[in-house]
Protein backbone atom coordinates (compact mmCIF):
# COMPACT_ATOMS: atom_id res chain seq x y z
CA MET A 1 18.69 90.00 126.72
CA SER A 2 21.70 89.32 129.03
CA THR A 3 25.02 91.45 129.92
CA TYR A 4 28.57 89.99 129.41
CA ASN A 5 31.87 91.29 130.62
CA VAL A 6 34.49 90.94 127.77
CA ASP A 7 38.36 91.72 128.01
CA PRO A 8 39.22 95.02 125.83
CA ILE A 9 40.97 93.96 122.66
CA GLN A 10 44.60 93.46 122.33
CA GLU A 11 46.92 93.79 119.13
CA ILE A 12 48.39 90.41 118.54
CA ALA A 13 49.13 91.05 114.51
CA PRO A 14 52.58 91.04 115.25
CA THR A 15 53.06 88.20 117.15
CA LEU A 16 51.47 85.55 115.15
CA GLN A 17 53.89 84.07 112.22
CA TYR A 18 52.55 83.82 108.87
CA THR A 19 52.56 80.66 106.93
CA SER A 20 51.62 80.20 103.56
CA GLU A 21 50.05 76.75 104.64
CA ASN A 22 47.37 78.41 106.23
CA VAL A 23 46.16 80.19 102.90
CA GLN A 24 42.71 79.75 101.82
CA TYR A 25 40.70 80.59 98.66
CA PRO A 26 37.09 79.87 99.22
CA GLU A 27 35.04 78.94 96.13
CA TYR A 28 31.76 79.37 95.15
CA GLY A 29 29.22 77.96 92.97
CA ARG A 30 29.11 74.14 91.38
CA LEU A 31 30.35 72.91 88.13
CA LEU A 32 28.77 70.24 86.20
CA GLU A 33 30.07 67.11 88.04
CA ASP A 34 28.34 68.93 91.17
CA PHE A 35 24.78 68.44 89.96
CA SER A 36 22.99 65.23 90.46
CA GLU A 37 19.01 64.65 88.85
CA GLY A 38 16.62 64.97 91.97
CA GLU A 39 18.96 66.46 94.18
CA VAL A 40 17.46 69.69 96.28
CA PHE A 41 19.34 72.56 97.27
CA ILE A 42 18.18 75.05 100.03
CA HIS A 43 19.75 78.24 98.88
CA PRO A 44 21.28 80.45 102.11
CA ARG A 45 20.29 83.60 103.23
CA ALA A 46 16.27 84.93 103.35
CA PHE A 47 14.95 88.26 102.33
CA THR A 48 12.58 90.08 104.38
CA ILE A 49 11.27 92.99 101.82
CA ASP A 50 10.54 96.16 103.71
CA ARG A 51 7.84 98.88 102.03
CA SER A 52 10.42 101.19 101.10
CA PHE A 53 12.47 98.54 99.15
CA ALA A 54 9.53 97.01 97.18
CA GLN A 55 8.24 100.84 96.18
CA GLU A 56 11.66 101.38 95.06
CA PHE A 57 12.29 98.56 92.89
CA ALA A 58 8.60 99.51 91.56
CA THR A 59 9.92 103.15 90.91
CA VAL A 60 13.18 102.34 89.39
CA PHE A 61 12.09 100.03 87.05
CA HIS A 62 9.36 102.10 85.57
CA ASP A 63 6.17 99.98 86.94
CA ALA A 64 3.07 101.76 86.26
CA CYS A 65 0.74 99.44 88.00
CA PRO A 66 -0.94 101.07 91.17
CA LEU A 67 -1.00 97.52 92.83
CA PHE A 68 2.81 98.35 93.69
CA LEU A 69 2.89 101.85 94.78
CA SER A 70 -0.54 102.60 96.41
CA ALA A 71 -1.84 100.64 99.79
CA PRO A 72 -5.35 102.11 99.25
CA TYR A 73 -5.43 101.24 95.64
CA ALA A 74 -4.24 97.71 96.50
CA GLN A 75 -6.84 97.55 99.25
CA ALA A 76 -9.60 98.40 97.06
CA ASN A 77 -8.38 96.01 94.73
CA GLY A 78 -9.09 93.18 97.91
CA PHE A 79 -5.41 92.64 98.74
CA ARG A 80 -4.40 93.36 101.93
CA ASP A 81 -1.56 96.00 101.42
CA LEU A 82 0.39 97.13 98.49
CA ALA A 83 1.77 93.93 96.79
CA VAL A 84 5.37 93.52 96.21
CA PRO A 85 6.08 93.60 92.18
CA PRO A 86 5.92 90.06 91.21
CA LEU A 87 9.79 90.96 89.09
CA MET A 88 11.01 91.66 92.14
CA VAL A 89 9.99 88.64 93.96
CA PHE A 90 11.58 86.50 90.62
CA ASN A 91 14.70 88.47 90.97
CA ILE A 92 15.17 87.66 94.71
CA ALA A 93 14.23 84.23 94.18
CA LEU A 94 16.65 83.73 91.10
CA CYS A 95 19.29 85.92 92.73
CA LEU A 96 19.40 83.53 96.19
CA GLY A 97 19.76 80.77 93.98
CA VAL A 98 22.91 81.79 92.29
CA GLN A 99 25.65 80.49 94.80
CA ASN A 100 24.20 76.99 94.37
CA ASN A 101 22.95 77.02 90.51
CA SER A 102 24.90 79.37 88.44
CA GLU A 103 27.68 81.09 90.05
CA LYS A 104 29.98 79.42 87.77
CA ALA A 105 27.75 79.53 84.80
CA VAL A 106 29.07 80.47 81.37
CA ALA A 107 25.34 81.14 80.39
CA ASN A 108 21.85 81.38 81.19
CA LEU A 109 19.91 79.30 78.73
CA GLY A 110 16.24 80.16 79.39
CA TYR A 111 13.12 80.77 81.80
CA TYR A 112 10.34 78.43 81.81
CA ASN A 113 6.96 77.55 83.44
CA VAL A 114 6.98 80.73 86.19
CA LEU A 115 4.03 80.76 87.70
CA PHE A 116 3.47 83.43 90.60
CA THR A 117 1.16 81.59 93.04
CA GLN A 118 -0.05 84.28 95.38
CA PRO A 119 0.88 87.70 96.49
CA VAL A 120 4.25 88.78 98.39
CA TYR A 121 3.51 92.01 100.73
CA PRO A 122 5.99 94.16 102.75
CA GLY A 123 7.64 92.17 105.84
CA ASP A 124 7.31 88.98 104.34
CA THR A 125 10.45 86.97 104.14
CA LEU A 126 11.56 85.05 101.12
CA THR A 127 13.69 81.78 100.92
CA ALA A 128 14.51 79.66 98.02
CA ARG A 129 15.37 76.01 97.16
CA SER A 130 15.98 74.11 93.63
CA LYS A 131 15.65 70.82 92.30
CA VAL A 132 17.90 69.26 90.10
CA ILE A 133 15.56 68.13 87.07
CA SER A 134 18.30 66.90 84.36
CA ARG A 135 22.24 67.73 84.05
CA ARG A 136 22.91 67.21 80.09
CA GLU A 137 26.67 66.60 78.82
CA ARG A 138 27.81 67.83 75.61
CA GLY A 139 31.19 65.90 75.12
CA GLU A 140 34.31 66.12 76.74
CA GLY A 141 35.81 69.77 77.54
CA LYS A 142 32.47 71.18 76.68
CA PRO A 143 30.15 73.00 79.00
CA GLY A 144 26.87 71.21 79.89
CA ILE A 145 23.43 72.29 80.64
CA VAL A 146 21.45 71.89 83.86
CA HIS A 147 18.04 72.47 84.37
CA VAL A 148 16.70 73.49 87.76
CA LYS A 149 13.05 74.02 88.92
CA THR A 150 13.27 76.57 91.89
CA LEU A 151 10.57 77.12 94.58
CA CYS A 152 10.40 80.59 96.26
CA MET A 153 8.63 80.37 99.71
CA ASN A 154 7.40 83.02 102.20
CA GLN A 155 7.98 82.84 105.86
CA SER A 156 4.92 80.55 106.62
CA SER A 157 6.66 77.91 104.14
CA ARG A 158 4.14 78.86 101.40
CA VAL A 159 5.03 78.49 97.66
CA VAL A 160 4.63 82.31 96.23
CA LEU A 161 6.70 81.55 93.14
CA GLN A 162 8.12 78.58 91.09
CA TYR A 163 9.92 78.33 88.07
CA GLU A 164 12.52 76.20 85.74
CA ARG A 165 15.46 77.74 84.64
CA LYS A 166 18.35 75.87 82.11
CA ILE A 167 22.10 76.88 82.60
CA MET A 168 25.00 76.32 80.49
CA ILE A 169 28.15 75.04 83.33
CA ALA A 170 31.54 74.63 82.36
CA PRO A 171 32.77 70.75 83.36
CA ARG A 172 35.48 70.30 86.14
CA GLY A 173 36.98 67.75 84.02
CA SER A 174 36.31 64.91 86.62
CA THR A 175 33.80 62.73 88.38
CA ALA A 176 34.96 64.21 91.41
CA ALA A 177 32.48 66.60 93.16
CA GLY A 178 33.36 69.73 94.77
CA GLY A 179 30.47 69.75 97.29
CA ALA A 180 28.48 67.72 99.87
CA ARG A 181 25.26 65.99 98.10
CA ALA A 182 21.80 67.45 99.60
CA SER A 183 18.91 66.03 99.64
CA HIS A 184 15.53 67.85 101.15
CA ASP A 185 11.87 68.61 100.66
CA PHE A 186 10.79 70.00 97.57
CA PRO A 187 6.88 71.24 98.31
CA GLU A 188 6.20 71.86 94.05
CA LEU A 189 2.51 72.91 93.28
CA THR A 190 1.64 70.49 90.64
CA ASP A 191 -1.89 71.91 89.85
CA ASN A 192 -0.67 75.34 88.46
CA SER A 193 -3.34 76.65 91.22
CA ILE A 194 -3.13 80.21 92.48
CA GLU A 195 -4.20 82.33 95.58
CA LEU A 196 -5.50 86.03 94.71
CA PRO A 197 -7.96 88.11 96.83
CA ASP A 198 -11.60 88.25 95.84
CA TYR A 199 -12.11 90.90 93.12
CA SER A 200 -15.56 92.41 92.74
CA GLY A 201 -14.91 95.47 90.83
CA LEU A 202 -13.10 98.98 91.75
CA ASP A 203 -14.47 101.51 93.71
CA ALA A 204 -15.27 104.58 91.21
CA ALA A 205 -12.55 106.68 93.73
CA PHE A 206 -9.60 104.74 92.38
CA ILE A 207 -10.76 104.34 88.61
CA HIS A 208 -8.75 107.65 87.27
CA GLN A 209 -5.35 106.04 88.83
CA THR A 210 -4.90 104.53 85.84
CA GLY A 211 -4.73 104.95 82.22
CA SER A 212 -8.18 104.60 80.36
CA GLY A 213 -6.62 102.27 77.79
CA THR A 214 -5.08 99.10 79.53
CA TYR A 215 -8.05 97.32 80.37
CA PHE A 216 -8.94 93.46 78.76
CA GLU A 217 -11.24 94.90 75.91
CA ASP A 218 -8.35 97.15 74.57
CA PHE A 219 -6.40 94.07 73.84
CA GLN A 220 -6.60 91.84 70.56
CA PRO A 221 -4.44 89.07 69.22
CA GLY A 222 -2.18 90.44 66.69
CA GLN A 223 -1.67 93.71 67.84
CA VAL A 224 1.41 95.08 68.35
CA ILE A 225 2.25 97.95 70.55
CA VAL A 226 5.73 99.75 69.86
CA HIS A 227 6.59 101.49 73.92
CA LYS A 228 8.08 104.87 73.19
CA ASN A 229 9.97 105.70 76.52
CA MET A 230 13.21 103.58 76.86
CA ARG A 231 15.78 103.51 79.58
CA THR A 232 20.12 103.94 79.38
CA ILE A 233 21.76 101.63 81.98
CA THR A 234 24.12 103.05 83.94
CA ASP A 235 26.44 101.87 86.70
CA GLU A 236 23.93 101.49 89.06
CA HIS A 237 23.39 98.01 87.61
CA TYR A 238 26.28 96.89 89.91
CA GLN A 239 24.56 98.04 92.78
CA TRP A 240 21.14 96.59 91.99
CA ALA A 241 22.65 93.25 91.34
CA TYR A 242 23.93 92.76 94.95
CA ARG A 243 20.93 94.55 96.33
CA LEU A 244 18.60 91.74 94.98
CA GLY A 245 21.60 89.17 96.07
CA ASN A 246 23.16 88.44 92.88
CA THR A 247 26.73 87.24 93.54
CA HIS A 248 28.00 86.20 90.09
CA PRO A 249 31.05 88.38 89.78
CA LEU A 250 30.05 88.77 85.81
CA HIS A 251 27.98 91.48 87.09
CA TYR A 252 29.65 93.72 89.21
CA ASP A 253 33.96 92.70 89.07
CA ARG A 254 35.68 94.12 86.04
CA LEU A 255 38.89 92.43 87.09
CA TYR A 256 36.80 89.29 87.04
CA SER A 257 35.28 89.91 83.35
CA ALA A 258 37.62 91.39 81.71
CA GLY A 259 39.89 88.32 82.59
CA LEU A 260 37.18 86.16 80.85
CA SER A 261 37.51 85.02 77.01
CA GLY A 262 35.27 85.41 74.29
CA LYS A 263 31.71 87.17 73.89
CA MET A 264 31.90 87.81 77.66
CA SER A 265 34.69 89.53 78.24
CA GLY A 266 35.22 93.14 78.97
CA GLU A 267 32.75 95.44 80.85
CA PRO A 268 30.80 93.68 83.58
CA ILE A 269 27.36 92.20 81.79
CA VAL A 270 24.13 93.77 83.39
CA TYR A 271 22.26 90.86 85.63
CA GLY A 272 19.68 89.90 83.38
CA GLY A 273 16.98 89.85 85.51
CA LEU A 274 17.72 93.53 85.95
CA VAL A 275 17.30 94.05 82.06
CA PHE A 276 14.35 91.81 82.21
CA GLY A 277 12.76 94.06 85.09
CA TRP A 278 13.30 97.54 82.79
CA LEU A 279 11.92 95.86 79.91
CA ALA A 280 8.49 94.91 81.77
CA GLY A 281 8.51 98.37 83.48
CA LEU A 282 9.07 100.30 80.23
CA ALA A 283 5.92 98.03 78.99
CA SER A 284 3.94 98.70 81.91
CA ARG A 285 1.84 102.00 81.45
CA ASP A 286 0.68 100.43 77.95
CA THR A 287 -0.09 96.70 79.18
CA THR A 288 -0.40 96.44 83.17
CA GLU A 289 -1.66 99.41 84.58
CA ASN A 290 -5.17 97.85 84.82
CA MET A 291 -3.92 94.46 85.40
CA LEU A 292 -4.97 92.46 88.93
CA TRP A 293 -1.87 89.97 88.38
CA ASP A 294 0.88 88.53 86.65
CA LEU A 295 0.37 85.18 85.95
CA GLY A 296 4.00 84.34 84.99
CA TYR A 297 6.43 83.58 82.08
CA HIS A 298 7.76 80.95 79.75
CA GLU A 299 10.13 80.42 76.97
CA GLY A 300 11.81 83.55 78.15
CA TYR A 301 15.96 84.28 76.44
CA HIS A 302 18.49 86.71 76.98
CA THR A 303 19.60 86.66 72.99
CA GLN A 304 22.10 89.69 73.52
CA PRO A 305 24.25 91.04 76.73
CA ALA A 306 23.75 94.45 78.00
CA VAL A 307 26.90 96.77 79.54
CA THR A 308 26.50 99.97 81.10
CA GLY A 309 25.79 102.78 78.55
CA ASP A 310 23.36 100.36 76.49
CA THR A 311 20.06 102.08 76.12
CA VAL A 312 16.72 99.53 75.81
CA GLY A 313 13.13 99.50 74.71
CA ALA A 314 10.31 97.14 74.68
CA ILE A 315 7.77 96.13 72.13
CA THR A 316 4.72 93.88 73.35
CA ARG A 317 2.74 91.69 70.66
CA ILE A 318 -0.71 90.30 71.72
CA LEU A 319 -0.95 86.59 71.44
CA LYS A 320 -4.22 85.82 73.14
CA THR A 321 -7.38 86.89 74.98
CA GLU A 322 -9.62 84.56 77.08
CA PRO A 323 -12.09 84.45 79.81
CA GLY A 324 -10.35 85.34 83.65
CA PRO A 325 -10.92 83.57 86.70
CA LEU A 326 -12.19 85.86 88.94
CA PRO A 327 -15.40 88.04 87.58
CA GLY A 328 -14.69 91.19 86.00
CA THR A 329 -11.33 89.97 84.18
CA GLY A 330 -9.66 88.59 81.69
CA ILE A 331 -6.59 86.92 80.77
CA VAL A 332 -4.10 88.41 78.00
CA GLN A 333 -1.06 86.37 76.30
CA SER A 334 1.63 88.59 75.37
CA GLN A 335 5.19 88.47 73.41
CA LEU A 336 7.64 90.94 75.33
CA ILE A 337 10.39 91.76 73.04
CA GLY A 338 13.39 93.99 74.19
CA VAL A 339 16.04 95.78 71.78
CA LYS A 340 19.17 97.76 72.59
CA ASN A 341 20.48 101.11 71.18
CA ILE A 342 17.90 101.68 68.49
CA THR A 343 14.59 103.26 69.18
CA THR A 344 11.61 100.79 69.10
CA ARG A 345 9.95 102.35 66.41
CA GLU A 346 13.24 102.21 64.44
CA ALA A 347 13.33 98.24 65.67
CA MET A 348 10.06 97.74 64.11
CA GLU A 349 10.91 99.61 60.66
CA LYS A 350 14.02 97.91 60.50
CA HIS A 351 13.10 94.06 61.31
CA GLY A 352 9.20 93.69 61.70
CA ALA A 353 7.99 90.39 61.79
CA ASP A 354 11.52 89.15 62.36
CA LEU A 355 11.48 90.47 65.93
CA PHE A 356 8.76 88.01 66.87
CA ILE A 357 10.62 85.01 65.63
CA LYS A 358 12.48 82.88 68.09
CA GLU A 359 16.87 83.68 67.97
CA ASN A 360 17.17 80.10 68.54
CA ASP A 361 15.28 79.40 65.78
CA LYS A 362 16.14 81.51 63.12
CA LYS A 363 19.22 79.54 61.59
CA SER A 364 16.57 76.53 60.73
CA LEU A 365 14.63 79.16 58.65
CA GLY A 366 17.36 80.69 56.96
CA LYS A 367 17.30 84.09 58.68
CA ASP A 368 20.09 85.82 60.63
CA LYS A 369 19.81 87.07 64.35
CA ILE A 370 19.20 90.17 64.99
CA ALA A 371 21.89 91.95 66.88
CA ASP A 372 19.70 94.82 68.25
CA LYS A 373 17.61 92.48 70.10
CA ILE A 374 18.17 91.65 73.43
CA PHE A 375 15.34 89.88 74.78
CA GLU A 376 12.49 87.85 74.27
CA ILE A 377 9.66 86.08 76.68
CA GLU A 378 6.01 85.15 76.51
CA ARG A 379 3.80 86.56 79.39
CA ARG A 380 0.30 86.17 80.69
CA LEU A 381 -1.89 88.69 82.90
CA ILE A 382 -5.21 88.70 84.75
CA ILE A 383 -6.18 92.21 83.43
CA LYS A 384 -9.60 94.14 84.43
CA LYS A 385 -12.06 94.62 82.35
CA ARG A 386 -13.65 98.27 81.65
CA PRO A 387 -15.71 99.38 84.51
CA ALA A 388 -19.52 99.81 83.40
């Protein structure tokens, strides 16, 4: 480090003449014509995740899995430290991509092929990049659909997460692009391989740190778990959107959101990744306390928006169980459903089987969409078997 002498600051503003020609209005985000198939964006900014931030995410979002709360427990399961919650990693990666992918989006249409490929630990630094898979126009003046694939990478350039996303984006109305074209390396994983610590069973000293009813043997296909605890969302969601790096003004700027027309006009909309995180956390005590790893998600949709004051809850349906990739584990595939402003028990009694039908399929089946339902996704977990 070196030392430099600088002149003391002097007042200059009164001596500099204002001219309107020098006024700039920076814009962020891309319109439909700004996306080209095969183009790769490296998203600006990077996140170093410290321990307190990782644990705060786990607690604020109600995660009950000790892998994200207790370093000794995580180490007893083979991890080198407590792990950063995978949904925190997902949220950071998605938010890093907002400026290039969705800051001018009309709607987030869905999450697909989400795969957490290896653990992230406190102290790791995450970056993200996205590749345009396709751009589909829907007619003159209509928003189109952009399909992107995003990689999240650590400081060693190892892919820790990859996922796909479809976004509805308004057109500019001309073929002129608003930003420079870019192309970079895109080291996506094509074999769905994951890297996990070796697991040979849990030391008896740690068995009582989780509940006894969330081992692999406790889940059977067809089982429906109605999670009792719910969560009222407060204005905290403004801060959490920006803490995770989301720069879309729809989530924290009331003047912006009130100036929109249609369904999204009014109060700022809760950033969907936060809703996702709360729903997964509310389901955690009944489903993931004894998980060894969150493999990922597919076919995820925010079917209704949420705003400050909404109370959300979760319901899980077990879809499939199968042997796990590590000794003493199994894989559980489930469907996570979110509801709002109705208790989960009342939602089950009111809607029953219709809760588990994808909302976009309702019309073809002659069914009405469910206004109480806000989210749907399928997930796969590696769950430990009950200790002998």
